[in-house]
Protein backbone atom coordinates (compact mmCIF):
# COMPACT_ATOMS: atom_id res chain seq x y z
CA MET A 1 3.62 -51.26 138.06
CA ALA A 2 2.01 -54.41 139.46
CA LYS A 3 -1.39 -55.38 138.14
CA ILE A 4 -4.16 -54.15 140.39
CA GLY A 5 -7.21 -55.92 141.79
CA ILE A 6 -10.25 -53.76 142.51
CA VAL A 7 -12.81 -54.45 145.24
CA ILE A 8 -16.04 -52.47 144.93
CA PRO A 9 -18.29 -52.78 148.01
CA SER A 10 -21.87 -52.22 146.83
CA ALA A 11 -24.00 -53.97 149.45
CA GLY A 12 -25.23 -50.86 151.30
CA GLN A 13 -28.96 -50.27 151.51
CA GLY A 14 -28.69 -46.51 150.95
CA LYS A 15 -31.51 -45.60 153.34
CA ARG A 16 -30.68 -41.88 153.19
CA MET A 17 -31.40 -41.87 149.46
CA GLY A 18 -34.98 -42.99 150.12
CA ALA A 19 -35.26 -44.84 146.79
CA GLY A 20 -36.56 -48.09 148.29
CA TYR A 21 -33.77 -50.09 146.64
CA ASN A 22 -29.98 -50.03 146.32
CA LYS A 23 -29.01 -46.47 145.39
CA GLN A 24 -26.23 -47.73 143.14
CA PHE A 25 -28.83 -48.82 140.59
CA LEU A 26 -30.25 -45.29 140.35
CA ALA A 27 -29.74 -43.63 136.98
CA LEU A 28 -26.97 -41.06 136.64
CA MET A 29 -26.97 -39.48 133.18
CA GLY A 30 -28.99 -42.44 131.92
CA GLN A 31 -26.80 -45.20 133.37
CA PRO A 32 -26.71 -46.89 136.80
CA ILE A 33 -24.36 -45.27 139.30
CA LEU A 34 -22.56 -48.59 139.68
CA ALA A 35 -21.94 -48.81 135.92
CA HIS A 36 -20.14 -45.45 136.00
CA THR A 37 -17.99 -46.68 138.89
CA VAL A 38 -17.03 -50.01 137.34
CA ARG A 39 -16.19 -48.38 134.00
CA ILE A 40 -13.39 -46.35 135.62
CA PHE A 41 -11.49 -49.55 136.36
CA GLU A 42 -12.63 -51.49 133.30
CA ASP A 43 -10.92 -48.81 131.18
CA SER A 44 -7.65 -48.86 133.15
CA SER A 45 -4.72 -50.75 131.67
CA TYR A 46 -3.34 -51.21 135.21
CA VAL A 47 -6.37 -53.17 136.42
CA ALA A 48 -6.39 -56.94 136.00
CA GLU A 49 -9.48 -57.93 138.01
CA ILE A 50 -12.59 -56.37 139.49
CA VAL A 51 -14.69 -57.91 142.25
CA ILE A 52 -18.10 -56.41 143.03
CA VAL A 53 -19.56 -57.15 146.46
CA GLY A 54 -23.33 -56.83 146.71
CA ALA A 55 -26.31 -57.84 148.80
CA LYS A 56 -27.69 -61.30 148.09
CA SER A 57 -30.90 -59.77 146.74
CA ASP A 58 -28.91 -57.63 144.27
CA VAL A 59 -26.61 -60.28 142.78
CA THR A 60 -28.83 -60.98 139.76
CA THR A 61 -29.19 -57.27 139.01
CA ILE A 62 -25.40 -56.80 139.22
CA GLU A 63 -24.84 -59.79 136.95
CA GLU A 64 -27.20 -58.24 134.39
CA LEU A 65 -25.41 -54.90 134.67
CA VAL A 66 -22.01 -56.54 134.08
CA TYR A 67 -23.40 -58.38 131.03
CA ASP A 68 -25.23 -55.37 129.58
CA TYR A 69 -22.20 -53.07 129.82
CA LYS A 70 -19.70 -55.77 128.77
CA PHE A 71 -17.45 -55.40 131.82
CA THR A 72 -14.91 -58.11 131.02
CA LYS A 73 -12.64 -57.52 134.03
CA VAL A 74 -15.33 -58.37 136.61
CA VAL A 75 -14.19 -61.84 137.70
CA THR A 76 -16.81 -62.47 140.37
CA ILE A 77 -19.71 -60.97 142.29
CA CYS A 78 -19.57 -61.74 146.01
CA ILE A 79 -22.33 -61.60 148.58
CA GLY A 80 -21.54 -58.92 151.14
CA GLY A 81 -21.63 -59.13 154.92
CA THR A 82 -23.55 -57.23 157.55
CA GLN A 83 -20.96 -54.43 157.61
CA ARG A 84 -18.94 -52.78 154.84
CA GLN A 85 -15.78 -54.18 156.42
CA ASP A 86 -17.13 -57.74 156.06
CA SER A 87 -17.93 -57.06 152.41
CA VAL A 88 -14.44 -55.75 151.64
CA GLN A 89 -12.85 -58.77 153.32
CA ALA A 90 -14.98 -61.11 151.19
CA GLY A 91 -14.03 -59.19 148.06
CA VAL A 92 -10.30 -59.32 148.77
CA LEU A 93 -10.44 -63.07 149.37
CA ALA A 94 -12.22 -63.51 146.02
CA LEU A 95 -9.34 -62.00 144.03
CA SER A 96 -6.95 -64.34 142.27
CA PRO A 97 -3.85 -65.33 144.29
CA THR A 98 -1.67 -63.54 141.71
CA ILE A 99 -3.13 -60.15 142.71
CA GLN A 100 -0.86 -58.60 145.34
CA ARG A 101 -1.98 -54.96 145.18
CA VAL A 102 -5.59 -54.14 146.06
CA VAL A 103 -7.66 -51.00 145.56
CA VAL A 104 -10.92 -50.57 147.48
CA HIS A 105 -13.39 -48.07 145.99
CA ASP A 106 -16.96 -47.24 146.98
CA GLY A 107 -19.58 -48.36 144.48
CA ALA A 108 -21.44 -45.10 145.09
CA ARG A 109 -18.42 -42.93 144.19
CA PRO A 110 -18.72 -42.79 140.36
CA LEU A 111 -17.05 -39.46 139.56
CA LEU A 112 -13.41 -40.46 139.95
CA THR A 113 -11.77 -39.91 136.56
CA LEU A 114 -9.41 -42.35 134.89
CA GLN A 115 -6.67 -39.70 134.94
CA GLU A 116 -7.15 -39.14 138.69
CA PHE A 117 -7.01 -42.89 139.29
CA HIS A 118 -3.80 -43.31 137.33
CA SER A 119 -2.22 -40.32 139.08
CA PHE A 120 -3.19 -41.90 142.40
CA LEU A 121 -1.51 -45.19 141.41
CA VAL A 122 1.70 -43.42 140.38
CA GLU A 123 1.80 -41.26 143.50
CA THR A 124 1.22 -44.20 145.85
CA GLU A 125 3.46 -46.77 144.15
CA GLY A 126 6.08 -46.54 146.88
CA PHE A 127 3.66 -47.03 149.78
CA SER A 128 2.21 -50.26 151.16
CA ALA A 129 -0.95 -48.43 152.24
CA ALA A 130 -2.27 -45.13 150.93
CA ILE A 131 -5.58 -43.29 150.79
CA MET A 132 -7.12 -40.29 149.07
CA GLY A 133 -8.49 -37.27 150.92
CA ILE A 134 -9.22 -33.57 150.60
CA GLU A 135 -8.68 -30.50 152.76
CA LEU A 136 -11.59 -29.31 154.88
CA LYS A 137 -13.26 -25.99 154.11
CA ASP A 138 -15.12 -25.60 157.38
CA THR A 139 -13.93 -25.14 160.93
CA ILE A 140 -14.28 -28.43 162.83
CA LYS A 141 -15.15 -28.56 166.53
CA ARG A 142 -15.23 -31.54 168.87
CA ILE A 143 -18.26 -31.67 171.14
CA ASP A 144 -19.38 -33.71 174.14
CA PRO A 145 -22.51 -35.95 174.13
CA PHE A 146 -24.63 -32.93 175.14
CA GLY A 147 -23.46 -30.69 172.31
CA LYS A 148 -21.04 -28.57 174.33
CA VAL A 149 -17.91 -27.56 172.40
CA ILE A 150 -14.76 -29.11 173.83
CA GLU A 151 -12.18 -27.84 171.37
CA THR A 152 -11.56 -26.50 167.89
CA LEU A 153 -9.48 -28.93 165.84
CA PRO A 154 -6.58 -27.74 163.65
CA ARG A 155 -8.14 -27.80 160.17
CA GLU A 156 -4.81 -27.81 158.34
CA ARG A 157 -4.02 -31.23 159.89
CA LEU A 158 -7.39 -32.79 159.01
CA ARG A 159 -8.64 -34.44 155.82
CA ALA A 160 -11.99 -35.70 154.59
CA VAL A 161 -11.22 -39.25 153.45
CA GLN A 162 -12.31 -40.64 150.10
CA THR A 163 -11.72 -43.76 148.09
CA PRO A 164 -9.80 -45.18 146.27
CA GLN A 165 -7.63 -46.66 148.98
CA ILE A 166 -4.73 -48.91 147.98
CA PHE A 167 -2.94 -51.61 149.96
CA ASP A 168 -0.44 -54.41 149.63
CA ARG A 169 -2.71 -57.42 149.77
CA GLY A 170 -0.93 -59.29 152.55
CA ILE A 171 -1.05 -56.30 154.88
CA LEU A 172 -4.74 -55.66 154.18
CA GLU A 173 -5.67 -59.31 154.75
CA GLU A 174 -3.73 -59.38 158.03
CA ALA A 175 -5.44 -56.18 159.20
CA HIS A 176 -8.84 -57.74 158.50
CA ARG A 177 -7.90 -60.95 160.30
CA GLN A 178 -6.77 -59.05 163.39
CA ALA A 179 -9.90 -56.91 163.37
CA VAL A 180 -12.13 -60.00 163.17
CA SER A 181 -10.25 -61.68 166.01
CA VAL A 182 -11.12 -58.87 168.43
CA GLY A 183 -14.48 -57.84 166.96
CA TYR A 184 -13.20 -54.44 165.84
CA TYR A 185 -15.03 -52.50 163.11
CA GLY A 186 -13.38 -49.44 161.60
CA THR A 187 -14.90 -46.69 159.52
CA ASP A 188 -12.71 -47.59 156.55
CA ASP A 189 -10.04 -50.15 155.67
CA ALA A 190 -7.21 -47.77 156.45
CA SER A 191 -8.40 -47.55 160.05
CA LEU A 192 -7.72 -51.28 160.44
CA LEU A 193 -4.07 -50.70 159.56
CA GLU A 194 -3.91 -47.62 161.78
CA ARG A 195 -5.12 -49.79 164.67
CA MET A 196 -2.10 -52.06 164.06
CA GLY A 197 0.23 -49.06 164.10
CA TYR A 198 0.91 -49.49 160.38
CA PRO A 199 1.72 -46.29 158.42
CA VAL A 200 -0.89 -45.07 155.95
CA GLN A 201 -0.01 -42.34 153.45
CA MET A 202 -2.52 -39.61 152.57
CA VAL A 203 -2.53 -38.13 149.06
CA GLU A 204 -4.62 -35.30 147.66
CA GLY A 205 -8.02 -36.23 146.25
CA SER A 206 -10.62 -34.37 144.21
CA ARG A 207 -13.62 -32.35 145.37
CA GLU A 208 -15.60 -33.81 142.47
CA ASN A 209 -14.99 -37.35 143.75
CA ILE A 210 -18.14 -37.30 145.87
CA LYS A 211 -19.99 -40.24 147.37
CA ILE A 212 -23.64 -40.30 146.34
CA THR A 213 -25.60 -40.71 149.55
CA THR A 214 -28.58 -38.34 149.33
CA PRO A 215 -30.85 -37.03 146.53
CA GLU A 216 -28.85 -33.78 146.65
CA ASP A 217 -25.65 -35.70 145.93
CA LEU A 218 -27.25 -37.26 142.86
CA TRP A 219 -28.23 -33.81 141.59
CA ILE A 220 -24.67 -32.53 142.14
CA ALA A 221 -23.24 -35.56 140.32
CA GLU A 222 -25.49 -34.87 137.33
CA ARG A 223 -24.23 -31.27 137.21
CA ILE A 224 -20.58 -32.36 137.42
CA LEU A 225 -20.95 -34.86 134.57
CA SER A 226 -22.85 -32.31 132.49
CA MET A 227 -20.05 -29.78 132.93
CA ARG A 228 -17.46 -32.40 131.97
CA GLU A 229 -19.39 -33.12 128.77
CA GLU A 230 -19.51 -29.40 127.95
CA ARG A 231 -15.75 -29.10 128.44
CA SER A 232 -14.92 -32.12 126.28
């Protein structure tokens, strides 16, 4: 398996968390959320490089975190753009030229396990673009701007998308270039490839692989990690 480069976008302000600073520095079981996330990839034998993309005001804090937790695979810390998509593009360009397979993973998604990550790499090895997602529990309805229901969508054909997402580097870079050329912003990196008509494979994710966005999410993450400790 080719060595992997990891891009961790961490420049979001996290306004819904209401902490007054980047949510990824909030403590989760005594350590910053971002430290939990980076450790997943630091511990992987498949990962050669990690790039963290942060806000300019957070770069010093991220540098201190990398030093304190001895993350040796973090090769650089980039300054992010105005949108997540800009930050990912900057992170991909910062990887060494030898890296030809790129994984993008949210900095605020710290509960992915090393086993889940390695299973994801094995399952997606034959695809140039692949993403992780889970089945929906709830019925999903499409509405108009006034709240009127237009249709009920077929739940069995829908997935809630997560990260990690993995791409051949050349394809991902081309998708970003084309998006920039027309001013297109997608909701995730896979959507840039979809716009080009490029196939993206979906594989099954984990319900514990949540993104920490609100105070309730942080509470849930604490419970999940506590249960994992009890089981170990």
